[in-house]
Amino acid sequence: MVLKFLLIFILDLILTQIRMLNYPIKFTPILKEKIWGGEKLATILNKESNAKNLGESWEISGVKGDISVVENGALKGKTLNELLEEYKGRILGEKIYADFGAEFPLLIKYIDAKTALSVQLHPHDDLAKERHNSFGKTEMWFIMQADKNADINVGFKETITKEDYIKHLEEGKITEVLNFEPVKKGDSFFINTGKVHAIGAGVLLAEIQQTSDITYRIYDWDRVDDQGNARELHTALAIDAIDFEKKDDFKMEYDKTPNQSSNIADCQYFTTNYLPVKGSITKDYSAVDSFIIYMAVSGKASISVAGNTEEIEQGQTLLIPAENKEVQISADNCELLEVSVSR
């Protein structure tokens, strides 16, 4: 009899562990005030904050000091790191866990730039590892809203020498050699490591990037904070990390057929698809050994796993653990970004 109860207890424990991951997981946003931030994260994306310079909402983060915490369901209150340590490949995907262990490979954000961000770039993996014991930072942007005449900086107008770059920087004329691109809702850009870039004033976007907070700031529009202090520049560090070559490899094109996943970006770090949903669809991820992230860039939808449903609306994000291979999505009209990692 004791053995019977013990077996029942163990079976129930196993079933409980299985059930723990069979729903869409939502994390509490980590909100960041920035000198260039605005009000759109609150007024358009409904983030709960009274800050007037709210610049970023970190939706899913494994960055040290900013670890996401589960907001819903059976795992509510657990940190992302605790989930990875406990569930390993079941939540990440077996190959991803083999490569990253209990480190989440992506950082997922929404960004509002009331004024332009600094002109910056990010180092590649090898340089970031050598200097900062960190991953590099390849990223992509999806424009959710843009004010009239809004633009971004991506790369240089023409290939430039290191010497000419330094000359323009020292003379305060770096903007003369930068490439600026007008933006509108639905535009998407891929930012390779080494490429100088800056989000312009009036732009609200979704960002998918490697888990890294390493940024080399090269120009900050001569602005100062409330105490009259200029932000730190990383001129020397940036020199060896910059790609001085003009490359038209940043504007991404994609199909907009309803209820179909259309690839926007596909690299060794992440895969991002555009998924517009009208009505009800079922996604089969049996061939994908990865978690799935949904970012709602417009509208709202109901997302279900094993009969467990979570609502998602513009500016929200959900994580589907890797062991769940079928997801149902229902919406009148919703645009999702569908993010995974291919290994």
C-alpha atoms as a PDB file:
ATOM      1  CA  MET A   1       0.000   0.000   0.000  1.00  0.00           C
ATOM      2  CA  VAL A   2       2.834   2.407   0.884  1.00  0.00           C
ATOM      3  CA  LEU A   3       4.500   1.607  -2.434  1.00  0.00           C
ATOM      4  CA  LYS A   4       1.254   2.324  -4.276  1.00  0.00           C
ATOM      5  CA  PHE A   5       0.877   5.739  -2.661  1.00  0.00           C
ATOM      6  CA  LEU A   6       4.535   6.489  -3.332  1.00  0.00           C
ATOM      7  CA  LEU A   7       4.112   5.654  -7.018  1.00  0.00           C
ATOM      8  CA  ILE A   8       0.982   7.788  -7.204  1.00  0.00           C
ATOM      9  CA  PHE A   9       2.841  10.665  -5.552  1.00  0.00           C
ATOM     10  CA  ILE A  10       5.778  10.381  -7.964  1.00  0.00           C
ATOM     11  CA  LEU A  11       3.440  10.152 -10.981  1.00  0.00           C
ATOM     12  CA  ASP A  12       1.498  13.182  -9.808  1.00  0.00           C
ATOM     13  CA  LEU A  13       4.751  15.084  -9.294  1.00  0.00           C
ATOM     14  CA  ILE A  14       5.891  14.219 -12.816  1.00  0.00           C
ATOM     15  CA  LEU A  15       2.555  15.258 -14.319  1.00  0.00           C
ATOM     16  CA  THR A  16       2.669  18.513 -12.365  1.00  0.00           C
ATOM     17  CA  GLN A  17       6.134  19.273 -13.767  1.00  0.00           C
ATOM     18  CA  ILE A  18       4.889  18.582 -17.291  1.00  0.00           C
ATOM     19  CA  ARG A  19       1.849  20.787 -16.818  1.00  0.00           C
ATOM     20  CA  MET A  20       4.013  23.652 -15.536  1.00  0.00           C
ATOM     21  CA  LEU A  21       5.247  24.418 -19.048  1.00  0.00           C
ATOM     22  CA  ASN A  22       2.056  23.863 -21.026  1.00  0.00           C
ATOM     23  CA  TYR A  23       0.914  27.479 -21.285  1.00  0.00           C
ATOM     24  CA  PRO A  24       2.078  30.772 -22.868  1.00  0.00           C
ATOM     25  CA  ILE A  25       4.374  32.500 -20.379  1.00  0.00           C
ATOM     26  CA  LYS A  26       4.231  36.242 -19.869  1.00  0.00           C
ATOM     27  CA  PHE A  27       6.924  38.186 -18.010  1.00  0.00           C
ATOM     28  CA  THR A  28       6.661  41.452 -16.103  1.00  0.00           C
ATOM     29  CA  PRO A  29       8.200  44.209 -18.272  1.00  0.00           C
ATOM     30  CA  ILE A  30      11.398  45.814 -16.985  1.00  0.00           C
ATOM     31  CA  LEU A  31      10.977  49.522 -17.714  1.00  0.00           C
ATOM     32  CA  LYS A  32      13.974  51.768 -18.361  1.00  0.00           C
ATOM     33  CA  GLU A  33      14.063  55.544 -18.210  1.00  0.00           C
ATOM     34  CA  LYS A  34      16.387  57.090 -20.789  1.00  0.00           C
ATOM     35  CA  ILE A  35      17.527  60.621 -21.546  1.00  0.00           C
ATOM     36  CA  TRP A  36      16.011  60.189 -25.034  1.00  0.00           C
ATOM     37  CA  GLY A  37      12.821  58.376 -23.928  1.00  0.00           C
ATOM     38  CA  GLY A  38       9.217  59.539 -24.240  1.00  0.00           C
ATOM     39  CA  GLU A  39       5.624  58.616 -23.391  1.00  0.00           C
ATOM     40  CA  LYS A  40       4.641  56.179 -26.168  1.00  0.00           C
ATOM     41  CA  LEU A  41       5.447  53.023 -24.213  1.00  0.00           C
ATOM     42  CA  ALA A  42       2.765  54.167 -21.761  1.00  0.00           C
ATOM     43  CA  THR A  43       0.285  55.895 -24.079  1.00  0.00           C
ATOM     44  CA  ILE A  44       0.458  53.514 -27.068  1.00  0.00           C
ATOM     45  CA  LEU A  45       1.724  50.240 -25.569  1.00  0.00           C
ATOM     46  CA  ASN A  46      -0.010  50.661 -22.187  1.00  0.00           C
ATOM     47  CA  LYS A  47       3.058  50.119 -20.028  1.00  0.00           C
ATOM     48  CA  GLU A  48       2.270  51.123 -16.441  1.00  0.00           C
ATOM     49  CA  SER A  49       4.509  54.094 -15.746  1.00  0.00           C
ATOM     50  CA  ASN A  50       4.252  57.816 -15.082  1.00  0.00           C
ATOM     51  CA  ALA A  51       7.784  58.476 -16.333  1.00  0.00           C
ATOM     52  CA  LYS A  52       8.041  61.150 -19.010  1.00  0.00           C
ATOM     53  CA  ASN A  53      11.232  59.758 -20.477  1.00  0.00           C
ATOM     54  CA  LEU A  54      10.462  56.051 -20.614  1.00  0.00           C
ATOM     55  CA  GLY A  55      12.768  54.667 -23.283  1.00  0.00           C
ATOM     56  CA  GLU A  56      12.729  50.860 -23.129  1.00  0.00           C
ATOM     57  CA  SER A  57      10.557  47.982 -22.016  1.00  0.00           C
ATOM     58  CA  TRP A  58      12.642  44.843 -21.593  1.00  0.00           C
ATOM     59  CA  GLU A  59      10.109  42.100 -22.241  1.00  0.00           C
ATOM     60  CA  ILE A  60      12.299  39.011 -21.835  1.00  0.00           C
ATOM     61  CA  SER A  61      15.756  39.447 -20.350  1.00  0.00           C
ATOM     62  CA  GLY A  62      18.470  37.224 -18.960  1.00  0.00           C
ATOM     63  CA  VAL A  63      20.893  40.142 -18.584  1.00  0.00           C
ATOM     64  CA  LYS A  64      22.567  40.141 -15.167  1.00  0.00           C
ATOM     65  CA  GLY A  65      20.810  42.603 -12.898  1.00  0.00           C
ATOM     66  CA  ASP A  66      17.730  42.672 -15.112  1.00  0.00           C
ATOM     67  CA  ILE A  67      16.347  39.136 -15.009  1.00  0.00           C
ATOM     68  CA  SER A  68      12.718  38.772 -16.100  1.00  0.00           C
ATOM     69  CA  VAL A  69      10.115  37.439 -13.672  1.00  0.00           C
ATOM     70  CA  VAL A  70       7.064  35.390 -14.713  1.00  0.00           C
ATOM     71  CA  GLU A  71       3.822  37.358 -14.439  1.00  0.00           C
ATOM     72  CA  ASN A  72       1.192  34.667 -15.044  1.00  0.00           C
ATOM     73  CA  GLY A  73       0.165  31.059 -14.465  1.00  0.00           C
ATOM     74  CA  ALA A  74       1.644  28.234 -12.423  1.00  0.00           C
ATOM     75  CA  LEU A  75       5.184  29.629 -12.684  1.00  0.00           C
ATOM     76  CA  LYS A  76       4.272  33.139 -11.539  1.00  0.00           C
ATOM     77  CA  GLY A  77       7.046  34.713  -9.473  1.00  0.00           C
ATOM     78  CA  LYS A  78       9.840  32.546 -10.828  1.00  0.00           C
ATOM     79  CA  THR A  79      12.732  34.228 -12.599  1.00  0.00           C
ATOM     80  CA  LEU A  80      13.732  33.376 -16.143  1.00  0.00           C
ATOM     81  CA  ASN A  81      17.021  31.986 -14.813  1.00  0.00           C
ATOM     82  CA  GLU A  82      15.183  29.703 -12.415  1.00  0.00           C
ATOM     83  CA  LEU A  83      13.111  28.346 -15.303  1.00  0.00           C
ATOM     84  CA  LEU A  84      16.220  27.638 -17.376  1.00  0.00           C
ATOM     85  CA  GLU A  85      17.992  25.900 -14.500  1.00  0.00           C
ATOM     86  CA  GLU A  86      14.951  23.736 -13.724  1.00  0.00           C
ATOM     87  CA  TYR A  87      13.578  22.929 -17.175  1.00  0.00           C
ATOM     88  CA  LYS A  88      16.672  23.235 -19.378  1.00  0.00           C
ATOM     89  CA  GLY A  89      16.043  21.974 -22.917  1.00  0.00           C
ATOM     90  CA  ARG A  90      12.355  21.559 -22.256  1.00  0.00           C
ATOM     91  CA  ILE A  91      11.975  25.327 -22.279  1.00  0.00           C
ATOM     92  CA  LEU A  92      14.887  26.406 -24.506  1.00  0.00           C
ATOM     93  CA  GLY A  93      15.209  23.523 -26.961  1.00  0.00           C
ATOM     94  CA  GLU A  94      17.818  20.790 -26.546  1.00  0.00           C
ATOM     95  CA  LYS A  95      20.391  22.210 -28.984  1.00  0.00           C
ATOM     96  CA  ILE A  96      20.001  25.704 -27.599  1.00  0.00           C
ATOM     97  CA  TYR A  97      20.504  24.445 -24.051  1.00  0.00           C
ATOM     98  CA  ALA A  98      23.586  22.507 -25.168  1.00  0.00           C
ATOM     99  CA  ASP A  99      25.052  25.745 -26.568  1.00  0.00           C
ATOM    100  CA  PHE A 100      23.927  28.292 -23.986  1.00  0.00           C
ATOM    101  CA  GLY A 101      23.197  26.348 -20.815  1.00  0.00           C
ATOM    102  CA  ALA A 102      21.122  28.366 -18.362  1.00  0.00           C
ATOM    103  CA  GLU A 103      21.652  31.625 -20.266  1.00  0.00           C
ATOM    104  CA  PHE A 104      18.769  32.957 -22.322  1.00  0.00           C
ATOM    105  CA  PRO A 105      20.206  33.775 -25.774  1.00  0.00           C
ATOM    106  CA  LEU A 106      17.974  36.755 -26.675  1.00  0.00           C
ATOM    107  CA  LEU A 107      16.971  40.114 -25.249  1.00  0.00           C
ATOM    108  CA  ILE A 108      13.504  41.264 -26.326  1.00  0.00           C
ATOM    109  CA  LYS A 109      12.541  44.954 -26.120  1.00  0.00           C
ATOM    110  CA  TYR A 110      10.167  47.701 -27.146  1.00  0.00           C
ATOM    111  CA  ILE A 111      11.848  51.102 -27.596  1.00  0.00           C
ATOM    112  CA  ASP A 112      10.453  54.642 -27.771  1.00  0.00           C
ATOM    113  CA  ALA A 113      12.788  57.390 -28.958  1.00  0.00           C
ATOM    114  CA  LYS A 114      11.324  60.839 -28.284  1.00  0.00           C
ATOM    115  CA  THR A 115      14.685  62.251 -29.297  1.00  0.00           C
ATOM    116  CA  ALA A 116      17.405  60.474 -31.259  1.00  0.00           C
ATOM    117  CA  LEU A 117      19.502  57.815 -29.597  1.00  0.00           C
ATOM    118  CA  SER A 118      23.267  58.215 -29.676  1.00  0.00           C
ATOM    119  CA  VAL A 119      25.148  57.075 -32.770  1.00  0.00           C
ATOM    120  CA  GLN A 120      26.555  53.738 -31.677  1.00  0.00           C
ATOM    121  CA  LEU A 121      27.668  50.273 -32.678  1.00  0.00           C
ATOM    122  CA  HIS A 122      28.142  46.876 -31.082  1.00  0.00           C
ATOM    123  CA  PRO A 123      31.160  44.554 -31.120  1.00  0.00           C
ATOM    124  CA  HIS A 124      31.083  41.062 -32.618  1.00  0.00           C
ATOM    125  CA  ASP A 125      31.212  37.942 -30.437  1.00  0.00           C
ATOM    126  CA  ASP A 126      34.988  37.487 -30.362  1.00  0.00           C
ATOM    127  CA  LEU A 127      35.732  41.098 -29.444  1.00  0.00           C
ATOM    128  CA  ALA A 128      32.925  41.228 -26.868  1.00  0.00           C
ATOM    129  CA  LYS A 129      34.180  38.003 -25.301  1.00  0.00           C
ATOM    130  CA  GLU A 130      37.771  39.270 -25.157  1.00  0.00           C
ATOM    131  CA  ARG A 131      36.925  42.693 -23.723  1.00  0.00           C
ATOM    132  CA  HIS A 132      33.759  42.171 -21.703  1.00  0.00           C
ATOM    133  CA  ASN A 133      33.252  38.412 -21.306  1.00  0.00           C
ATOM    134  CA  SER A 134      29.951  38.933 -23.112  1.00  0.00           C
ATOM    135  CA  PHE A 135      28.178  37.984 -26.297  1.00  0.00           C
ATOM    136  CA  GLY A 136      28.293  40.440 -29.170  1.00  0.00           C
ATOM    137  CA  LYS A 137      25.131  42.227 -30.190  1.00  0.00           C
ATOM    138  CA  THR A 138      23.478  41.517 -33.514  1.00  0.00           C
ATOM    139  CA  GLU A 139      19.982  42.985 -33.571  1.00  0.00           C
ATOM    140  CA  MET A 140      16.953  43.840 -35.688  1.00  0.00           C
ATOM    141  CA  TRP A 141      14.225  46.477 -35.547  1.00  0.00           C
ATOM    142  CA  PHE A 142      10.573  46.403 -36.549  1.00  0.00           C
ATOM    143  CA  ILE A 143       8.996  49.863 -36.785  1.00  0.00           C
ATOM    144  CA  MET A 144       5.656  49.929 -34.953  1.00  0.00           C
ATOM    145  CA  GLN A 145       4.938  53.654 -35.286  1.00  0.00           C
ATOM    146  CA  ALA A 146       6.837  56.639 -36.630  1.00  0.00           C
ATOM    147  CA  ASP A 147       6.114  60.338 -36.544  1.00  0.00           C
ATOM    148  CA  LYS A 148       6.101  62.337 -39.774  1.00  0.00           C
ATOM    149  CA  ASN A 149       9.620  62.711 -41.250  1.00  0.00           C
ATOM    150  CA  ALA A 150      11.116  60.298 -38.709  1.00  0.00           C
ATOM    151  CA  ASP A 151      14.310  58.510 -39.717  1.00  0.00           C
ATOM    152  CA  ILE A 152      17.085  56.252 -38.463  1.00  0.00           C
ATOM    153  CA  ASN A 153      20.821  56.090 -39.056  1.00  0.00           C
ATOM    154  CA  VAL A 154      22.143  52.830 -40.467  1.00  0.00           C
ATOM    155  CA  GLY A 155      25.757  52.723 -41.665  1.00  0.00           C
ATOM    156  CA  PHE A 156      27.713  55.234 -43.731  1.00  0.00           C
ATOM    157  CA  LYS A 157      26.706  57.057 -46.931  1.00  0.00           C
ATOM    158  CA  GLU A 158      29.824  55.703 -48.606  1.00  0.00           C
ATOM    159  CA  THR A 159      32.742  53.508 -47.628  1.00  0.00           C
ATOM    160  CA  ILE A 160      35.044  55.590 -45.441  1.00  0.00           C
ATOM    161  CA  THR A 161      38.635  55.199 -44.249  1.00  0.00           C
ATOM    162  CA  LYS A 162      39.474  55.013 -40.581  1.00  0.00           C
ATOM    163  CA  GLU A 163      41.447  58.249 -40.895  1.00  0.00           C
ATOM    164  CA  ASP A 164      38.576  60.124 -42.543  1.00  0.00           C
ATOM    165  CA  TYR A 165      36.165  58.805 -39.922  1.00  0.00           C
ATOM    166  CA  ILE A 166      38.410  60.072 -37.093  1.00  0.00           C
ATOM    167  CA  LYS A 167      38.754  63.453 -38.808  1.00  0.00           C
ATOM    168  CA  HIS A 168      34.967  63.890 -39.082  1.00  0.00           C
ATOM    169  CA  LEU A 169      34.530  62.766 -35.477  1.00  0.00           C
ATOM    170  CA  GLU A 170      37.141  65.178 -34.109  1.00  0.00           C
ATOM    171  CA  GLU A 171      35.684  68.076 -36.102  1.00  0.00           C
ATOM    172  CA  GLY A 172      32.140  67.349 -34.914  1.00  0.00           C
ATOM    173  CA  LYS A 173      31.014  66.553 -38.455  1.00  0.00           C
ATOM    174  CA  ILE A 174      30.333  62.830 -38.149  1.00  0.00           C
ATOM    175  CA  THR A 175      26.688  63.239 -39.208  1.00  0.00           C
ATOM    176  CA  GLU A 176      27.895  64.403 -42.648  1.00  0.00           C
ATOM    177  CA  VAL A 177      29.057  60.878 -43.506  1.00  0.00           C
ATOM    178  CA  LEU A 178      26.211  58.908 -41.884  1.00  0.00           C
ATOM    179  CA  ASN A 179      23.436  57.268 -43.879  1.00  0.00           C
ATOM    180  CA  PHE A 180      19.912  58.238 -42.801  1.00  0.00           C
ATOM    181  CA  GLU A 181      16.832  56.270 -43.831  1.00  0.00           C
ATOM    182  CA  PRO A 182      13.223  57.512 -43.584  1.00  0.00           C
ATOM    183  CA  VAL A 183      10.988  55.047 -41.739  1.00  0.00           C
ATOM    184  CA  LYS A 184       7.312  54.174 -41.519  1.00  0.00           C
ATOM    185  CA  LYS A 185       5.176  51.580 -39.758  1.00  0.00           C
ATOM    186  CA  GLY A 186       6.062  48.062 -40.883  1.00  0.00           C
ATOM    187  CA  ASP A 187       9.633  48.783 -41.975  1.00  0.00           C
ATOM    188  CA  SER A 188      12.258  46.382 -40.656  1.00  0.00           C
ATOM    189  CA  PHE A 189      16.034  46.689 -40.372  1.00  0.00           C
ATOM    190  CA  PHE A 190      18.812  44.218 -39.578  1.00  0.00           C
ATOM    191  CA  ILE A 191      21.796  45.659 -37.699  1.00  0.00           C
ATOM    192  CA  ASN A 192      24.998  43.645 -37.998  1.00  0.00           C
ATOM    193  CA  THR A 193      27.744  44.057 -35.423  1.00  0.00           C
ATOM    194  CA  GLY A 194      30.113  46.879 -36.345  1.00  0.00           C
ATOM    195  CA  LYS A 195      27.463  48.890 -38.202  1.00  0.00           C
ATOM    196  CA  VAL A 196      26.993  52.417 -36.846  1.00  0.00           C
ATOM    197  CA  HIS A 197      23.340  53.132 -36.154  1.00  0.00           C
ATOM    198  CA  ALA A 198      20.893  55.301 -34.235  1.00  0.00           C
ATOM    199  CA  ILE A 199      17.140  55.248 -33.756  1.00  0.00           C
ATOM    200  CA  GLY A 200      15.808  58.668 -34.730  1.00  0.00           C
ATOM    201  CA  ALA A 201      13.363  60.926 -32.923  1.00  0.00           C
ATOM    202  CA  GLY A 202       9.711  59.910 -33.086  1.00  0.00           C
ATOM    203  CA  VAL A 203      10.253  56.183 -33.636  1.00  0.00           C
ATOM    204  CA  LEU A 204       8.567  53.377 -31.683  1.00  0.00           C
ATOM    205  CA  LEU A 205       9.903  49.908 -32.456  1.00  0.00           C
ATOM    206  CA  ALA A 206      10.313  46.291 -31.423  1.00  0.00           C
ATOM    207  CA  GLU A 207      13.882  45.044 -31.034  1.00  0.00           C
ATOM    208  CA  ILE A 208      15.204  41.489 -31.083  1.00  0.00           C
ATOM    209  CA  GLN A 209      18.878  41.094 -30.176  1.00  0.00           C
ATOM    210  CA  GLN A 210      21.505  38.823 -28.740  1.00  0.00           C
ATOM    211  CA  THR A 211      21.668  38.843 -24.956  1.00  0.00           C
ATOM    212  CA  SER A 212      24.178  41.635 -24.495  1.00  0.00           C
ATOM    213  CA  ASP A 213      24.169  45.185 -23.196  1.00  0.00           C
ATOM    214  CA  ILE A 214      27.529  46.132 -24.750  1.00  0.00           C
ATOM    215  CA  THR A 215      27.280  49.385 -26.701  1.00  0.00           C
ATOM    216  CA  TYR A 216      30.012  51.676 -28.010  1.00  0.00           C
ATOM    217  CA  ARG A 217      28.678  55.229 -28.183  1.00  0.00           C
ATOM    218  CA  ILE A 218      30.533  57.421 -30.703  1.00  0.00           C
ATOM    219  CA  TYR A 219      28.372  60.561 -30.904  1.00  0.00           C
ATOM    220  CA  ASP A 220      25.504  61.868 -28.749  1.00  0.00           C
ATOM    221  CA  TRP A 221      24.323  65.021 -30.534  1.00  0.00           C
ATOM    222  CA  ASP A 222      26.226  67.188 -28.006  1.00  0.00           C
ATOM    223  CA  ARG A 223      23.467  66.713 -25.420  1.00  0.00           C
ATOM    224  CA  VAL A 224      23.872  66.863 -21.647  1.00  0.00           C
ATOM    225  CA  ASP A 225      21.853  65.606 -18.688  1.00  0.00           C
ATOM    226  CA  ASP A 226      20.060  67.689 -16.022  1.00  0.00           C
ATOM    227  CA  GLN A 227      23.389  68.309 -14.303  1.00  0.00           C
ATOM    228  CA  GLY A 228      25.023  69.512 -17.501  1.00  0.00           C
ATOM    229  CA  ASN A 229      27.091  66.359 -17.951  1.00  0.00           C
ATOM    230  CA  ALA A 230      27.667  64.787 -21.338  1.00  0.00           C
ATOM    231  CA  ARG A 231      27.322  61.018 -21.607  1.00  0.00           C
ATOM    232  CA  GLU A 232      30.438  58.927 -21.924  1.00  0.00           C
ATOM    233  CA  LEU A 233      31.714  58.228 -25.443  1.00  0.00           C
ATOM    234  CA  HIS A 234      33.656  55.103 -26.362  1.00  0.00           C
ATOM    235  CA  THR A 235      35.791  56.498 -29.175  1.00  0.00           C
ATOM    236  CA  ALA A 236      38.868  54.334 -28.624  1.00  0.00           C
ATOM    237  CA  LEU A 237      36.959  51.092 -28.025  1.00  0.00           C
ATOM    238  CA  ALA A 238      34.846  51.657 -31.140  1.00  0.00           C
ATOM    239  CA  ILE A 239      37.708  52.062 -33.615  1.00  0.00           C
ATOM    240  CA  ASP A 240      38.537  48.368 -33.822  1.00  0.00           C
ATOM    241  CA  ALA A 241      34.865  47.367 -33.900  1.00  0.00           C
ATOM    242  CA  ILE A 242      33.502  49.622 -36.679  1.00  0.00           C
ATOM    243  CA  ASP A 243      32.668  48.357 -40.151  1.00  0.00           C
ATOM    244  CA  PHE A 244      33.709  51.309 -42.346  1.00  0.00           C
ATOM    245  CA  GLU A 245      32.360  49.754 -45.538  1.00  0.00           C
ATOM    246  CA  LYS A 246      29.074  50.919 -47.084  1.00  0.00           C
ATOM    247  CA  LYS A 247      26.741  47.911 -47.217  1.00  0.00           C
ATOM    248  CA  ASP A 248      23.118  47.939 -48.310  1.00  0.00           C
ATOM    249  CA  ASP A 249      22.291  44.882 -46.216  1.00  0.00           C
ATOM    250  CA  PHE A 250      19.998  46.371 -43.622  1.00  0.00           C
ATOM    251  CA  LYS A 251      16.497  46.968 -45.109  1.00  0.00           C
ATOM    252  CA  MET A 252      14.462  43.774 -44.843  1.00  0.00           C
ATOM    253  CA  GLU A 253      11.601  42.793 -47.174  1.00  0.00           C
ATOM    254  CA  TYR A 254       8.876  40.314 -46.264  1.00  0.00           C
ATOM    255  CA  ASP A 255       5.506  39.000 -47.445  1.00  0.00           C
ATOM    256  CA  LYS A 256       2.300  40.142 -45.723  1.00  0.00           C
ATOM    257  CA  THR A 257      -0.086  37.302 -46.608  1.00  0.00           C
ATOM    258  CA  PRO A 258      -2.550  36.798 -43.716  1.00  0.00           C
ATOM    259  CA  ASN A 259      -2.150  33.691 -41.541  1.00  0.00           C
ATOM    260  CA  GLN A 260       1.256  32.802 -42.959  1.00  0.00           C
ATOM    261  CA  SER A 261       4.704  33.201 -41.397  1.00  0.00           C
ATOM    262  CA  SER A 262       6.955  35.290 -43.635  1.00  0.00           C
ATOM    263  CA  ASN A 263      10.653  35.484 -42.823  1.00  0.00           C
ATOM    264  CA  ILE A 264      12.081  38.905 -42.040  1.00  0.00           C
ATOM    265  CA  ALA A 265      15.481  38.008 -40.590  1.00  0.00           C
ATOM    266  CA  ASP A 266      17.358  34.733 -40.354  1.00  0.00           C
ATOM    267  CA  CYS A 267      20.835  34.590 -38.817  1.00  0.00           C
ATOM    268  CA  GLN A 268      22.800  32.314 -36.538  1.00  0.00           C
ATOM    269  CA  TYR A 269      21.442  34.161 -33.491  1.00  0.00           C
ATOM    270  CA  PHE A 270      17.709  34.365 -34.192  1.00  0.00           C
ATOM    271  CA  THR A 271      14.986  33.883 -36.763  1.00  0.00           C
ATOM    272  CA  THR A 272      12.166  36.423 -36.932  1.00  0.00           C
ATOM    273  CA  ASN A 273       8.996  35.972 -38.973  1.00  0.00           C
ATOM    274  CA  TYR A 274       6.102  38.324 -39.611  1.00  0.00           C
ATOM    275  CA  LEU A 275       2.779  36.642 -38.814  1.00  0.00           C
ATOM    276  CA  PRO A 276      -0.446  38.577 -39.479  1.00  0.00           C
ATOM    277  CA  VAL A 277      -3.446  36.716 -38.039  1.00  0.00           C
ATOM    278  CA  LYS A 278      -7.059  37.111 -39.148  1.00  0.00           C
ATOM    279  CA  GLY A 279      -9.353  34.418 -37.794  1.00  0.00           C
ATOM    280  CA  SER A 280      -7.982  31.210 -36.272  1.00  0.00           C
ATOM    281  CA  ILE A 281      -4.817  29.308 -37.147  1.00  0.00           C
ATOM    282  CA  THR A 282      -2.791  26.430 -35.729  1.00  0.00           C
ATOM    283  CA  LYS A 283       1.004  26.559 -35.782  1.00  0.00           C
ATOM    284  CA  ASP A 284       2.935  23.294 -35.901  1.00  0.00           C
ATOM    285  CA  TYR A 285       6.418  23.563 -34.375  1.00  0.00           C
ATOM    286  CA  SER A 286       7.243  19.861 -34.388  1.00  0.00           C
ATOM    287  CA  ALA A 287      10.254  20.515 -36.643  1.00  0.00           C
ATOM    288  CA  VAL A 288      11.517  23.439 -34.524  1.00  0.00           C
ATOM    289  CA  ASP A 289      13.844  22.707 -31.592  1.00  0.00           C
ATOM    290  CA  SER A 290      13.410  26.123 -30.007  1.00  0.00           C
ATOM    291  CA  PHE A 291      11.209  28.216 -27.783  1.00  0.00           C
ATOM    292  CA  ILE A 292       8.895  30.585 -29.660  1.00  0.00           C
ATOM    293  CA  ILE A 293       8.421  34.234 -28.762  1.00  0.00           C
ATOM    294  CA  TYR A 294       5.404  36.216 -29.949  1.00  0.00           C
ATOM    295  CA  MET A 295       5.587  40.015 -29.943  1.00  0.00           C
ATOM    296  CA  ALA A 296       2.315  41.778 -30.726  1.00  0.00           C
ATOM    297  CA  VAL A 297       3.179  44.787 -32.883  1.00  0.00           C
ATOM    298  CA  SER A 298      -0.479  45.671 -33.513  1.00  0.00           C
ATOM    299  CA  GLY A 299      -3.913  44.404 -32.531  1.00  0.00           C
ATOM    300  CA  LYS A 300      -4.645  41.652 -30.035  1.00  0.00           C
ATOM    301  CA  ALA A 301      -4.909  37.862 -30.110  1.00  0.00           C
ATOM    302  CA  SER A 302      -5.682  34.801 -28.012  1.00  0.00           C
ATOM    303  CA  ILE A 303      -2.829  32.286 -27.925  1.00  0.00           C
ATOM    304  CA  SER A 304      -3.442  28.760 -26.649  1.00  0.00           C
ATOM    305  CA  VAL A 305      -1.198  25.854 -25.705  1.00  0.00           C
ATOM    306  CA  ALA A 306      -2.757  22.532 -24.622  1.00  0.00           C
ATOM    307  CA  GLY A 307      -6.057  24.306 -24.007  1.00  0.00           C
ATOM    308  CA  ASN A 308      -4.456  27.010 -21.848  1.00  0.00           C
ATOM    309  CA  THR A 309      -5.058  30.471 -23.284  1.00  0.00           C
ATOM    310  CA  GLU A 310      -3.332  33.806 -22.755  1.00  0.00           C
ATOM    311  CA  GLU A 311      -4.352  37.103 -24.309  1.00  0.00           C
ATOM    312  CA  ILE A 312      -1.764  39.276 -25.995  1.00  0.00           C
ATOM    313  CA  GLU A 313      -2.193  42.818 -27.274  1.00  0.00           C
ATOM    314  CA  GLN A 314      -0.040  45.454 -28.921  1.00  0.00           C
ATOM    315  CA  GLY A 315       3.163  45.926 -26.930  1.00  0.00           C
ATOM    316  CA  GLN A 316       2.993  42.600 -25.110  1.00  0.00           C
ATOM    317  CA  THR A 317       5.157  39.491 -25.443  1.00  0.00           C
ATOM    318  CA  LEU A 318       4.683  35.778 -24.802  1.00  0.00           C
ATOM    319  CA  LEU A 319       7.126  32.874 -24.540  1.00  0.00           C
ATOM    320  CA  ILE A 320       6.100  29.382 -25.681  1.00  0.00           C
ATOM    321  CA  PRO A 321       8.382  26.736 -24.103  1.00  0.00           C
ATOM    322  CA  ALA A 322      10.122  24.520 -26.649  1.00  0.00           C
ATOM    323  CA  GLU A 323       8.382  21.300 -25.632  1.00  0.00           C
ATOM    324  CA  ASN A 324       5.030  22.666 -26.833  1.00  0.00           C
ATOM    325  CA  LYS A 325       4.740  21.815 -30.522  1.00  0.00           C
ATOM    326  CA  GLU A 326       1.243  23.074 -31.325  1.00  0.00           C
ATOM    327  CA  VAL A 327      -0.101  26.570 -30.766  1.00  0.00           C
ATOM    328  CA  GLN A 328      -3.550  27.940 -31.611  1.00  0.00           C
ATOM    329  CA  ILE A 329      -3.900  31.653 -32.393  1.00  0.00           C
ATOM    330  CA  SER A 330      -7.174  33.549 -32.810  1.00  0.00           C
ATOM    331  CA  ALA A 331      -7.531  37.216 -33.710  1.00  0.00           C
ATOM    332  CA  ASP A 332      -9.713  39.629 -35.636  1.00  0.00           C
ATOM    333  CA  ASN A 333      -6.649  41.421 -36.937  1.00  0.00           C
ATOM    334  CA  CYS A 334      -3.293  41.098 -35.185  1.00  0.00           C
ATOM    335  CA  GLU A 335       0.312  41.439 -36.337  1.00  0.00           C
ATOM    336  CA  LEU A 336       2.801  39.236 -34.531  1.00  0.00           C
ATOM    337  CA  LEU A 337       6.549  38.833 -34.705  1.00  0.00           C
ATOM    338  CA  GLU A 338       7.385  35.132 -34.359  1.00  0.00           C
ATOM    339  CA  VAL A 339      10.890  34.673 -32.966  1.00  0.00           C
ATOM    340  CA  SER A 340      12.948  31.513 -32.487  1.00  0.00           C
ATOM    341  CA  VAL A 341      16.576  30.367 -32.466  1.00  0.00           C
ATOM    342  CA  SER A 342      17.873  27.920 -35.071  1.00  0.00           C
ATOM    343  CA  ARG A 343      20.885  25.822 -34.052  1.00  0.00           C
END
